[in-house]
Amino acid sequence: MSASIVAIGDELLAGFTLDTNSHWLAERLRLLGFPLLRMSTVRDRESEIVAALRRDIEEPEISEIFCCGGLGPTPDDRTFAAVAVALERELVIEESVRARIENRVIRMYEAGLLDSAELTEGNLRMARIPAGPSEVFRNRRGMAPALLYELEGTRLFVLPGVPLELKGVFAEEIEPRHLAGRTASAVRELRFQFAVEARFYPVLRELEQSHPRVSVGSYPNFETKELVIRCLGQDEKEVAEAAAVVARRMA
């Protein structure tokens, strides 16, 4: 079973913001034994978010979905509404989230960071979530909650898009309680100096047939004049065999 990432935000697709969240999550998930099948980036459009979520929910190979971004207090933050449509659930005020936001607003007011201790409509947007989450994760670095919805054969994690908040919730809440116990994907790398990439075509083509469960790719680095052949898969023995074939044939 594999995982997927749905990253949300006009700023990502317009090139204003680099999507470091997806890069970080992809690495963490690989190391935890949840290799990615798909990574999607969509605009802040409810219909497009719904379509991306439903596609991954309906994909039988995907067991975990990580939806990132669009949980904030402004009108362009539409992820909670889209998740509600995708799951066919109502939006409701989650009291535990509302209470945490209220406490945070009061502390910010007392610190002189806000003009009022009253909750605004923007604050309440972050407490209005799709009904029936399996778990509400505490976000210690921000107001927006992170959520888990356990569906039939799929777990949907909804995470804030601020990198510091996403990494904190993932590392402190999600990873130890929900993603432990699997084996990381096996990786073997071979490095060749001043190698002509095209020379590797025959052996890589052969490995597609002999080791179909191993992903074998070539990655040239023109600055170091080095060619990296990377073998990646879930079975360590198969990955080692594929790497050995490359080493033997290209020695």
Protein backbone atom coordinates (compact mmCIF):
# COMPACT_ATOMS: atom_id res chain seq x y z
CA MET A 1 0.00 0.00 0.00
CA SER A 2 1.14 3.50 -0.81
CA ALA A 3 0.53 7.08 0.28
CA SER A 4 -0.34 10.27 -1.54
CA ILE A 5 0.06 14.00 -0.94
CA VAL A 6 -2.41 16.69 -1.98
CA ALA A 7 -0.78 20.11 -1.60
CA ILE A 8 -3.17 23.06 -1.82
CA GLY A 9 -2.48 26.68 -2.67
CA ASP A 10 -2.52 29.16 -5.52
CA GLU A 11 0.88 30.37 -4.32
CA LEU A 12 2.42 26.96 -5.07
CA LEU A 13 1.17 26.81 -8.64
CA ALA A 14 1.99 30.46 -9.34
CA GLY A 15 5.60 29.93 -8.31
CA PHE A 16 5.52 32.36 -5.39
CA THR A 17 6.11 29.65 -2.77
CA LEU A 18 8.33 26.57 -3.00
CA ASP A 19 6.47 23.45 -1.88
CA THR A 20 8.92 22.30 0.78
CA ASN A 21 6.11 20.47 2.62
CA SER A 22 5.66 17.83 -0.07
CA HIS A 23 9.42 17.31 -0.38
CA TRP A 24 9.79 16.88 3.39
CA LEU A 25 6.76 14.59 3.68
CA ALA A 26 7.89 12.43 0.75
CA GLU A 27 11.22 11.75 2.44
CA ARG A 28 9.70 11.11 5.85
CA LEU A 29 7.07 8.77 4.42
CA ARG A 30 9.68 6.81 2.46
CA LEU A 31 11.78 6.35 5.59
CA LEU A 32 8.68 5.25 7.53
CA GLY A 33 7.71 2.64 4.94
CA PHE A 34 4.89 4.57 3.24
CA PRO A 35 6.15 5.14 -0.31
CA LEU A 36 4.30 7.72 -2.38
CA LEU A 37 2.16 6.69 -5.29
CA ARG A 38 1.09 10.21 -6.19
CA MET A 39 1.81 13.85 -5.37
CA SER A 40 -0.74 16.46 -6.49
CA THR A 41 -0.80 20.24 -6.30
CA VAL A 42 -4.13 22.02 -6.72
CA ARG A 43 -5.40 25.58 -6.57
CA ASP A 44 -7.53 27.06 -3.81
CA ARG A 45 -10.67 25.96 -5.63
CA GLU A 46 -13.14 23.80 -3.75
CA SER A 47 -14.10 21.71 -6.77
CA GLU A 48 -10.47 20.98 -7.64
CA ILE A 49 -9.59 20.00 -4.07
CA VAL A 50 -12.64 17.73 -3.93
CA ALA A 51 -11.68 16.06 -7.23
CA ALA A 52 -8.10 15.43 -6.07
CA LEU A 53 -9.21 13.97 -2.74
CA ARG A 54 -11.86 11.72 -4.27
CA ARG A 55 -9.40 10.41 -6.85
CA ASP A 56 -6.96 9.37 -4.12
CA ILE A 57 -9.70 8.01 -1.83
CA GLU A 58 -10.95 5.82 -4.66
CA GLU A 59 -7.45 4.59 -5.59
CA PRO A 60 -7.13 1.03 -4.17
CA GLU A 61 -3.34 1.25 -3.89
CA ILE A 62 -3.46 4.31 -1.61
CA SER A 63 -3.95 3.71 2.10
CA GLU A 64 -2.84 7.12 3.47
CA ILE A 65 -3.60 10.57 2.09
CA PHE A 66 -1.89 13.71 3.39
CA CYS A 67 -3.80 16.87 2.51
CA CYS A 68 -1.75 20.01 3.22
CA GLY A 69 -2.68 23.68 3.38
CA GLY A 70 -5.72 25.91 3.18
CA LEU A 71 -6.79 25.69 6.85
CA GLY A 72 -6.32 29.34 7.79
CA PRO A 73 -8.70 32.17 8.73
CA THR A 74 -9.19 33.89 5.35
CA PRO A 75 -11.76 33.27 2.58
CA ASP A 76 -9.18 31.67 0.28
CA ASP A 77 -8.66 28.88 2.85
CA ARG A 78 -11.15 26.35 1.50
CA THR A 79 -9.76 22.96 2.49
CA PHE A 80 -12.13 22.17 5.36
CA ALA A 81 -15.13 22.96 3.14
CA ALA A 82 -13.70 20.81 0.34
CA VAL A 83 -12.99 17.88 2.66
CA ALA A 84 -16.57 18.10 3.92
CA VAL A 85 -17.88 17.85 0.35
CA ALA A 86 -15.48 15.03 -0.55
CA LEU A 87 -16.52 13.01 2.51
CA GLU A 88 -20.17 14.06 2.28
CA ARG A 89 -20.18 15.49 5.81
CA GLU A 90 -21.39 18.72 7.37
CA LEU A 91 -19.14 21.49 8.66
CA VAL A 92 -19.49 21.82 12.43
CA ILE A 93 -17.79 23.80 15.18
CA GLU A 94 -15.39 21.46 17.01
CA GLU A 95 -15.59 22.66 20.60
CA SER A 96 -12.12 21.46 21.63
CA VAL A 97 -10.58 23.36 18.72
CA ARG A 98 -12.68 26.46 19.40
CA ALA A 99 -11.56 26.44 23.05
CA ARG A 100 -7.87 26.15 22.09
CA ILE A 101 -8.20 29.00 19.60
CA GLU A 102 -9.96 31.14 22.19
CA ASN A 103 -7.21 30.53 24.73
CA ARG A 104 -4.57 31.39 22.15
CA VAL A 105 -6.36 34.60 21.16
CA ILE A 106 -6.59 35.65 24.82
CA ARG A 107 -2.86 35.04 25.33
CA MET A 108 -2.04 37.03 22.19
CA TYR A 109 -4.29 39.87 23.37
CA GLU A 110 -2.62 39.90 26.77
CA ALA A 111 0.75 40.03 25.05
CA GLY A 112 -0.34 43.07 23.07
CA LEU A 113 -0.40 41.27 19.73
CA LEU A 114 -4.14 41.69 19.19
CA ASP A 115 -6.52 44.58 19.76
CA SER A 116 -9.30 42.37 21.14
CA ALA A 117 -9.70 39.06 22.95
CA GLU A 118 -12.97 38.35 21.12
CA LEU A 119 -13.06 35.53 18.58
CA THR A 120 -13.52 36.75 15.03
CA GLU A 121 -15.23 35.01 12.12
CA GLY A 122 -11.76 34.27 10.80
CA ASN A 123 -10.85 32.53 14.06
CA LEU A 124 -14.02 30.46 13.95
CA ARG A 125 -13.31 29.36 10.38
CA MET A 126 -10.44 27.29 11.74
CA ALA A 127 -12.72 25.58 14.28
CA ARG A 128 -15.41 24.74 11.71
CA ILE A 129 -14.35 21.29 10.48
CA PRO A 130 -15.95 18.34 8.69
CA ALA A 131 -17.98 16.33 11.19
CA GLY A 132 -16.78 13.09 12.71
CA PRO A 133 -12.98 13.16 12.68
CA SER A 134 -11.34 10.06 14.09
CA GLU A 135 -8.82 12.28 15.83
CA VAL A 136 -8.06 15.98 16.25
CA PHE A 137 -4.34 16.59 16.61
CA ARG A 138 -2.97 19.42 18.69
CA ASN A 139 -1.12 22.10 16.77
CA ARG A 140 1.30 23.62 19.28
CA ARG A 141 2.63 26.23 16.83
CA GLY A 142 -0.56 27.62 15.35
CA MET A 143 -4.34 27.82 15.60
CA ALA A 144 -5.50 25.57 12.76
CA PRO A 145 -6.04 21.95 13.84
CA ALA A 146 -4.78 18.86 12.08
CA LEU A 147 -7.31 16.08 11.57
CA LEU A 148 -7.59 12.37 10.83
CA TYR A 149 -10.53 10.75 9.07
CA GLU A 150 -10.52 6.96 8.97
CA LEU A 151 -12.41 5.82 5.90
CA GLU A 152 -12.94 2.35 4.50
CA GLY A 153 -9.42 1.23 3.63
CA THR A 154 -7.99 4.76 3.69
CA ARG A 155 -6.78 7.26 6.26
CA LEU A 156 -7.05 10.94 5.39
CA PHE A 157 -4.74 13.28 7.31
CA VAL A 158 -5.54 17.00 6.99
CA LEU A 159 -2.54 19.16 7.88
CA PRO A 160 -1.83 22.91 8.11
CA GLY A 161 0.27 24.36 5.31
CA VAL A 162 2.68 26.46 7.41
CA PRO A 163 5.85 24.31 7.29
CA LEU A 164 6.72 24.75 10.98
CA GLU A 165 3.20 23.72 11.99
CA LEU A 166 3.01 20.79 9.55
CA LYS A 167 6.36 19.35 10.62
CA GLY A 168 5.52 19.77 14.30
CA VAL A 169 2.15 18.01 14.09
CA PHE A 170 3.55 15.25 11.90
CA ALA A 171 6.62 14.54 14.04
CA GLU A 172 4.99 14.91 17.45
CA GLU A 173 1.49 13.54 16.88
CA ILE A 174 1.08 11.55 13.67
CA GLU A 175 4.36 9.74 13.14
CA PRO A 176 4.72 8.07 16.57
CA ARG A 177 1.05 7.14 16.94
CA HIS A 178 -0.03 6.24 13.44
CA LEU A 179 2.97 5.55 11.19
CA ALA A 180 5.29 3.39 13.29
CA GLY A 181 6.14 -0.25 12.64
CA ARG A 182 6.79 -0.43 8.91
CA THR A 183 10.12 -0.99 7.18
CA ALA A 184 11.67 1.82 5.18
CA SER A 185 12.09 1.46 1.45
CA ALA A 186 15.46 -0.04 0.51
CA VAL A 187 17.85 2.21 -1.43
CA ARG A 188 21.14 1.41 -3.15
CA GLU A 189 23.16 4.01 -5.06
CA LEU A 190 26.07 3.53 -7.43
CA ARG A 191 28.19 6.51 -8.48
CA PHE A 192 30.15 6.75 -11.69
CA GLN A 193 32.57 9.52 -12.59
CA PHE A 194 32.58 10.99 -16.10
CA ALA A 195 30.04 8.37 -17.23
CA VAL A 196 27.98 8.71 -20.41
CA GLU A 197 24.37 8.26 -19.34
CA ALA A 198 23.27 6.66 -22.63
CA ARG A 199 25.65 3.72 -22.02
CA PHE A 200 23.42 2.62 -19.14
CA TYR A 201 20.30 2.26 -21.27
CA PRO A 202 20.70 -1.50 -22.04
CA VAL A 203 21.19 -2.58 -18.43
CA LEU A 204 18.42 -0.32 -17.10
CA ARG A 205 16.07 -1.61 -19.80
CA GLU A 206 16.97 -5.17 -18.82
CA LEU A 207 16.25 -4.47 -15.15
CA GLU A 208 12.75 -3.26 -16.03
CA GLN A 209 12.03 -6.83 -17.12
CA SER A 210 14.07 -8.81 -14.58
CA HIS A 211 13.29 -6.67 -11.49
CA PRO A 212 9.92 -4.98 -12.13
CA ARG A 213 9.37 -4.14 -8.45
CA VAL A 214 12.60 -2.12 -8.26
CA SER A 215 12.65 1.47 -9.47
CA VAL A 216 15.99 2.11 -11.19
CA GLY A 217 16.85 5.62 -12.36
CA SER A 218 19.86 7.56 -13.58
CA TYR A 219 20.58 11.03 -12.22
CA PRO A 220 23.46 13.02 -13.74
CA ASN A 221 25.12 15.82 -11.80
CA PHE A 222 26.78 18.14 -14.29
CA GLU A 223 28.56 20.12 -11.58
CA THR A 224 30.37 17.13 -10.06
CA LYS A 225 30.58 15.19 -13.37
CA GLU A 226 29.00 12.27 -11.54
CA LEU A 227 26.22 9.91 -12.60
CA VAL A 228 24.15 8.34 -9.82
CA ILE A 229 22.25 5.11 -10.50
CA ARG A 230 19.63 4.72 -7.77
CA CYS A 231 17.73 1.49 -7.05
CA LEU A 232 14.65 1.83 -4.86
CA GLY A 233 12.12 -0.75 -3.70
CA GLN A 234 10.40 -2.40 -0.77
CA ASP A 235 12.33 -5.70 -0.95
CA GLU A 236 15.93 -5.19 0.15
CA LYS A 237 17.15 -8.38 -1.54
CA GLU A 238 15.67 -7.40 -4.90
CA VAL A 239 17.13 -3.89 -4.64
CA ALA A 240 20.58 -5.31 -3.82
CA GLU A 241 20.34 -7.72 -6.76
CA ALA A 242 19.46 -4.92 -9.17
CA ALA A 243 22.35 -2.78 -7.92
CA ALA A 244 24.72 -5.73 -8.30
CA VAL A 245 23.66 -6.19 -11.93
CA VAL A 246 24.47 -2.56 -12.67
CA ALA A 247 27.81 -2.75 -10.88
CA ARG A 248 28.79 -5.95 -12.70
CA ARG A 249 27.72 -4.86 -16.16
CA MET A 250 29.12 -1.33 -15.97
CA ALA A 251 32.38 -2.06 -14.15
